[in-house]
Amino acid sequence: MPISKTPLAVSHAIRRIGADLATWRRLRLLTAAQVADRAGVSRHTVMRIESGEGASLESVLRVSRALGVLDQLASAVDPYATDVGRLRAEEALPRRIRQPRRDGMP
């Protein structure tokens, strides 16, 4: 499987989230080692997240929880907090989305 380059928008988001988590850590007057200990990750992982190098989603969520901002992060992706989500809230969403079949293709 070929490795694809990270899209620019994703790279910006990784850096922005990392910088925001670093700011939260400083606002809470915590060291990276303290956050790492509370999150159950290494100090190196905390530093990678904060510098925008990225980490697993689980590690980002663990650090967010240690900083007390996990609920805010989870709320940020709530589909029903958007106009589209509110408009479709009463609809029964499909369990699976399938590609339409092309002629002659199974």
N, C-alpha and C. Protein backbone atom coordinates (compact mmCIF):
# COMPACT_ATOMS: atom_id res chain seq x y z
N MET A 1 0.85 -1.18 0.00
CA MET A 1 0.00 0.00 0.00
C MET A 1 0.90 1.24 0.00
N PRO A 2 0.72 2.14 -0.93
CA PRO A 2 1.57 3.34 -0.99
C PRO A 2 1.24 4.30 0.17
N ILE A 3 2.28 4.95 0.64
CA ILE A 3 2.10 5.93 1.71
C ILE A 3 1.72 7.26 1.08
N SER A 4 0.62 7.83 1.56
CA SER A 4 0.19 9.10 1.00
C SER A 4 0.67 10.25 1.88
N LYS A 5 0.88 11.37 1.26
CA LYS A 5 1.31 12.56 1.98
C LYS A 5 0.13 13.11 2.78
N THR A 6 0.41 13.58 3.97
CA THR A 6 -0.64 14.16 4.81
C THR A 6 -1.18 15.43 4.16
N PRO A 7 -2.50 15.52 3.97
CA PRO A 7 -3.07 16.74 3.39
C PRO A 7 -2.73 17.97 4.24
N LEU A 8 -2.57 19.09 3.58
CA LEU A 8 -2.17 20.34 4.25
C LEU A 8 -3.15 20.73 5.36
N ALA A 9 -4.44 20.59 5.10
CA ALA A 9 -5.43 20.96 6.12
C ALA A 9 -5.29 20.08 7.36
N VAL A 10 -4.96 18.81 7.17
CA VAL A 10 -4.77 17.90 8.30
C VAL A 10 -3.52 18.28 9.07
N SER A 11 -2.45 18.61 8.37
CA SER A 11 -1.21 19.04 9.03
C SER A 11 -1.43 20.29 9.87
N HIS A 12 -2.19 21.23 9.32
CA HIS A 12 -2.50 22.46 10.07
C HIS A 12 -3.32 22.14 11.32
N ALA A 13 -4.29 21.25 11.19
CA ALA A 13 -5.13 20.89 12.34
C ALA A 13 -4.31 20.19 13.42
N ILE A 14 -3.40 19.31 13.01
CA ILE A 14 -2.53 18.63 13.98
C ILE A 14 -1.70 19.64 14.77
N ARG A 15 -1.13 20.60 14.06
CA ARG A 15 -0.33 21.64 14.72
C ARG A 15 -1.19 22.52 15.62
N ARG A 16 -2.37 22.89 15.14
CA ARG A 16 -3.25 23.78 15.91
C ARG A 16 -3.74 23.09 17.20
N ILE A 17 -4.15 21.82 17.07
CA ILE A 17 -4.60 21.09 18.25
C ILE A 17 -3.44 20.90 19.23
N GLY A 18 -2.27 20.57 18.72
CA GLY A 18 -1.10 20.42 19.58
C GLY A 18 -0.77 21.70 20.31
N ALA A 19 -0.80 22.81 19.60
CA ALA A 19 -0.50 24.11 20.23
C ALA A 19 -1.56 24.45 21.28
N ASP A 20 -2.81 24.15 20.98
CA ASP A 20 -3.88 24.43 21.95
C ASP A 20 -3.72 23.56 23.20
N LEU A 21 -3.36 22.30 23.03
CA LEU A 21 -3.15 21.44 24.19
C LEU A 21 -1.94 21.92 25.00
N ALA A 22 -0.91 22.41 24.33
CA ALA A 22 0.24 22.97 25.04
C ALA A 22 -0.18 24.20 25.85
N THR A 23 -1.04 25.02 25.28
CA THR A 23 -1.53 26.20 25.99
C THR A 23 -2.35 25.79 27.21
N TRP A 24 -3.21 24.78 27.04
CA TRP A 24 -3.99 24.28 28.18
C TRP A 24 -3.06 23.78 29.29
N ARG A 25 -2.00 23.07 28.91
CA ARG A 25 -1.05 22.56 29.90
C ARG A 25 -0.42 23.71 30.68
N ARG A 26 -0.03 24.74 29.96
CA ARG A 26 0.59 25.90 30.61
C ARG A 26 -0.41 26.65 31.48
N LEU A 27 -1.65 26.77 31.01
CA LEU A 27 -2.69 27.42 31.82
C LEU A 27 -2.93 26.68 33.12
N ARG A 28 -2.77 25.37 33.08
CA ARG A 28 -2.97 24.53 34.26
C ARG A 28 -1.69 24.44 35.11
N LEU A 29 -0.62 25.11 34.64
CA LEU A 29 0.67 25.13 35.35
C LEU A 29 1.21 23.71 35.57
N LEU A 30 1.11 22.89 34.51
CA LEU A 30 1.59 21.51 34.57
C LEU A 30 2.80 21.34 33.67
N THR A 31 3.71 20.47 34.07
CA THR A 31 4.83 20.12 33.20
C THR A 31 4.38 19.02 32.24
N ALA A 32 5.15 18.84 31.18
CA ALA A 32 4.84 17.77 30.23
C ALA A 32 4.92 16.41 30.93
N ALA A 33 5.85 16.27 31.86
CA ALA A 33 5.98 15.01 32.61
C ALA A 33 4.75 14.75 33.47
N GLN A 34 4.20 15.78 34.09
CA GLN A 34 2.99 15.61 34.90
C GLN A 34 1.81 15.19 34.04
N VAL A 35 1.65 15.84 32.90
CA VAL A 35 0.56 15.48 31.99
C VAL A 35 0.75 14.05 31.49
N ALA A 36 1.96 13.70 31.14
CA ALA A 36 2.24 12.34 30.66
C ALA A 36 1.87 11.31 31.73
N ASP A 37 2.25 11.59 32.97
CA ASP A 37 1.95 10.67 34.06
C ASP A 37 0.44 10.52 34.23
N ARG A 38 -0.28 11.63 34.21
CA ARG A 38 -1.75 11.60 34.37
C ARG A 38 -2.43 10.91 33.20
N ALA A 39 -1.85 11.07 32.00
CA ALA A 39 -2.46 10.51 30.79
C ALA A 39 -2.06 9.06 30.54
N GLY A 40 -1.01 8.61 31.20
CA GLY A 40 -0.54 7.25 30.98
C GLY A 40 0.21 7.09 29.67
N VAL A 41 0.88 8.16 29.26
CA VAL A 41 1.69 8.13 28.05
C VAL A 41 3.08 8.65 28.41
N SER A 42 4.02 8.58 27.49
CA SER A 42 5.36 9.07 27.77
C SER A 42 5.42 10.60 27.60
N ARG A 43 6.42 11.19 28.25
CA ARG A 43 6.63 12.63 28.09
C ARG A 43 6.93 12.94 26.62
N HIS A 44 7.64 12.03 25.96
CA HIS A 44 7.95 12.20 24.54
C HIS A 44 6.66 12.28 23.71
N THR A 45 5.67 11.48 24.05
CA THR A 45 4.38 11.52 23.33
C THR A 45 3.71 12.87 23.53
N VAL A 46 3.72 13.37 24.75
CA VAL A 46 3.13 14.70 25.02
C VAL A 46 3.83 15.75 24.18
N MET A 47 5.15 15.70 24.15
CA MET A 47 5.92 16.68 23.39
C MET A 47 5.65 16.56 21.88
N ARG A 48 5.50 15.33 21.37
CA ARG A 48 5.18 15.13 19.95
C ARG A 48 3.81 15.74 19.62
N ILE A 49 2.84 15.51 20.49
CA ILE A 49 1.50 16.08 20.27
C ILE A 49 1.58 17.60 20.25
N GLU A 50 2.23 18.16 21.26
CA GLU A 50 2.30 19.62 21.38
C GLU A 50 3.07 20.27 20.24
N SER A 51 4.04 19.57 19.69
CA SER A 51 4.84 20.16 18.61
C SER A 51 4.19 19.93 17.24
N GLY A 52 3.06 19.25 17.21
CA GLY A 52 2.36 19.04 15.94
C GLY A 52 2.90 17.88 15.13
N GLU A 53 3.68 17.01 15.75
CA GLU A 53 4.20 15.85 15.04
C GLU A 53 3.16 14.74 14.97
N GLY A 54 2.15 14.84 15.79
CA GLY A 54 1.08 13.86 15.76
C GLY A 54 1.32 12.70 16.69
N ALA A 55 0.27 11.94 16.92
CA ALA A 55 0.29 10.75 17.76
C ALA A 55 -1.00 10.02 17.49
N SER A 56 -1.18 8.90 18.15
CA SER A 56 -2.42 8.16 17.95
C SER A 56 -3.59 8.97 18.52
N LEU A 57 -4.75 8.70 17.99
CA LEU A 57 -5.95 9.39 18.48
C LEU A 57 -6.13 9.10 19.97
N GLU A 58 -5.87 7.87 20.37
CA GLU A 58 -6.01 7.52 21.79
C GLU A 58 -5.09 8.37 22.66
N SER A 59 -3.86 8.56 22.23
CA SER A 59 -2.92 9.38 23.02
C SER A 59 -3.40 10.82 23.11
N VAL A 60 -3.89 11.37 22.01
CA VAL A 60 -4.41 12.75 22.03
C VAL A 60 -5.59 12.84 22.99
N LEU A 61 -6.46 11.86 22.97
CA LEU A 61 -7.62 11.89 23.87
C LEU A 61 -7.20 11.69 25.32
N ARG A 62 -6.20 10.86 25.56
CA ARG A 62 -5.69 10.69 26.93
C ARG A 62 -5.12 12.00 27.47
N VAL A 63 -4.34 12.68 26.64
CA VAL A 63 -3.76 13.96 27.06
C VAL A 63 -4.87 14.99 27.27
N SER A 64 -5.86 15.00 26.39
CA SER A 64 -6.99 15.92 26.55
C SER A 64 -7.72 15.67 27.86
N ARG A 65 -7.90 14.40 28.19
CA ARG A 65 -8.55 14.05 29.46
C ARG A 65 -7.72 14.53 30.64
N ALA A 66 -6.41 14.32 30.57
CA ALA A 66 -5.52 14.74 31.66
C ALA A 66 -5.56 16.25 31.86
N LEU A 67 -5.83 16.98 30.78
CA LEU A 67 -5.89 18.44 30.86
C LEU A 67 -7.30 18.95 31.15
N GLY A 68 -8.27 18.05 31.21
CA GLY A 68 -9.65 18.44 31.53
C GLY A 68 -10.42 19.02 30.36
N VAL A 69 -10.00 18.72 29.14
CA VAL A 69 -10.68 19.28 27.97
C VAL A 69 -11.24 18.20 27.04
N LEU A 70 -11.30 16.95 27.52
CA LEU A 70 -11.79 15.86 26.69
C LEU A 70 -13.23 16.09 26.25
N ASP A 71 -14.09 16.52 27.15
CA ASP A 71 -15.49 16.76 26.80
C ASP A 71 -15.63 17.83 25.73
N GLN A 72 -14.82 18.88 25.81
CA GLN A 72 -14.86 19.95 24.81
C GLN A 72 -14.44 19.42 23.45
N LEU A 73 -13.41 18.60 23.43
CA LEU A 73 -12.92 18.03 22.19
C LEU A 73 -13.96 17.10 21.57
N ALA A 74 -14.57 16.26 22.40
CA ALA A 74 -15.59 15.35 21.91
C ALA A 74 -16.82 16.12 21.42
N SER A 75 -17.18 17.19 22.10
CA SER A 75 -18.32 18.00 21.68
C SER A 75 -18.09 18.69 20.35
N ALA A 76 -16.83 18.96 20.04
CA ALA A 76 -16.49 19.67 18.80
C ALA A 76 -16.86 18.87 17.56
N VAL A 77 -16.98 17.56 17.69
CA VAL A 77 -17.33 16.73 16.53
C VAL A 77 -18.75 16.18 16.61
N ASP A 78 -19.56 16.73 17.50
CA ASP A 78 -20.95 16.31 17.63
C ASP A 78 -21.74 16.71 16.39
N PRO A 79 -22.21 15.74 15.58
CA PRO A 79 -22.90 16.09 14.35
C PRO A 79 -24.23 16.81 14.59
N TYR A 80 -24.85 16.57 15.74
CA TYR A 80 -26.14 17.19 16.01
C TYR A 80 -26.01 18.61 16.54
N ALA A 81 -24.79 19.11 16.68
CA ALA A 81 -24.56 20.50 17.06
C ALA A 81 -24.45 21.39 15.82
N THR A 82 -24.60 20.79 14.63
CA THR A 82 -24.51 21.55 13.38
C THR A 82 -25.91 21.76 12.81
N ASP A 83 -26.03 22.68 11.88
CA ASP A 83 -27.32 22.92 11.24
C ASP A 83 -27.81 21.67 10.51
N VAL A 84 -26.93 21.03 9.77
CA VAL A 84 -27.31 19.82 9.04
C VAL A 84 -27.76 18.73 10.01
N GLY A 85 -27.01 18.54 11.07
CA GLY A 85 -27.36 17.53 12.06
C GLY A 85 -28.70 17.79 12.71
N ARG A 86 -28.96 19.05 13.04
CA ARG A 86 -30.25 19.39 13.66
C ARG A 86 -31.40 19.18 12.68
N LEU A 87 -31.18 19.50 11.40
CA LEU A 87 -32.23 19.31 10.40
C LEU A 87 -32.55 17.84 10.19
N ARG A 88 -31.54 16.98 10.29
CA ARG A 88 -31.74 15.56 10.02
C ARG A 88 -31.87 14.73 11.30
N ALA A 89 -31.99 15.37 12.44
CA ALA A 89 -32.00 14.67 13.73
C ALA A 89 -33.14 13.67 13.84
N GLU A 90 -34.26 13.97 13.23
CA GLU A 90 -35.42 13.08 13.35
C GLU A 90 -35.43 11.96 12.33
N GLU A 91 -34.55 12.04 11.34
CA GLU A 91 -34.50 11.01 10.30
C GLU A 91 -33.80 9.76 10.82
N ALA A 92 -34.22 8.63 10.29
CA ALA A 92 -33.51 7.38 10.58
C ALA A 92 -32.31 7.30 9.64
N LEU A 93 -31.13 7.37 10.18
CA LEU A 93 -29.93 7.33 9.35
C LEU A 93 -29.66 5.89 8.92
N PRO A 94 -29.15 5.71 7.70
CA PRO A 94 -28.84 4.35 7.26
C PRO A 94 -27.70 3.78 8.09
N ARG A 95 -27.75 2.46 8.28
CA ARG A 95 -26.69 1.80 9.04
C ARG A 95 -25.41 1.72 8.22
N ARG A 96 -25.55 1.57 6.90
CA ARG A 96 -24.40 1.48 6.00
C ARG A 96 -24.65 2.36 4.79
N ILE A 97 -23.59 2.89 4.25
CA ILE A 97 -23.65 3.66 3.01
C ILE A 97 -22.92 2.84 1.96
N ARG A 98 -23.60 2.57 0.85
CA ARG A 98 -23.00 1.77 -0.21
C ARG A 98 -22.86 2.61 -1.46
N GLN A 99 -21.81 2.31 -2.22
CA GLN A 99 -21.62 2.95 -3.52
C GLN A 99 -22.72 2.47 -4.46
N PRO A 100 -23.25 3.35 -5.30
CA PRO A 100 -24.22 2.91 -6.29
C PRO A 100 -23.56 1.94 -7.27
N ARG A 101 -24.30 0.94 -7.70
CA ARG A 101 -23.75 -0.04 -8.65
C ARG A 101 -23.64 0.58 -10.04
N ARG A 102 -22.56 0.24 -10.69
CA ARG A 102 -22.37 0.68 -12.08
C ARG A 102 -22.90 -0.41 -13.00
N ASP A 103 -23.32 -0.04 -14.19
CA ASP A 103 -23.81 -1.03 -15.13
C ASP A 103 -22.74 -2.06 -15.41
N GLY A 104 -23.12 -3.33 -15.34
CA GLY A 104 -22.21 -4.41 -15.65
C GLY A 104 -21.25 -4.77 -14.54
N MET A 105 -21.29 -4.06 -13.44
CA MET A 105 -20.38 -4.35 -12.30
C MET A 105 -21.18 -5.01 -11.19
N PRO A 106 -20.66 -6.07 -10.60
CA PRO A 106 -21.37 -6.75 -9.50
C PRO A 106 -21.39 -5.94 -8.23
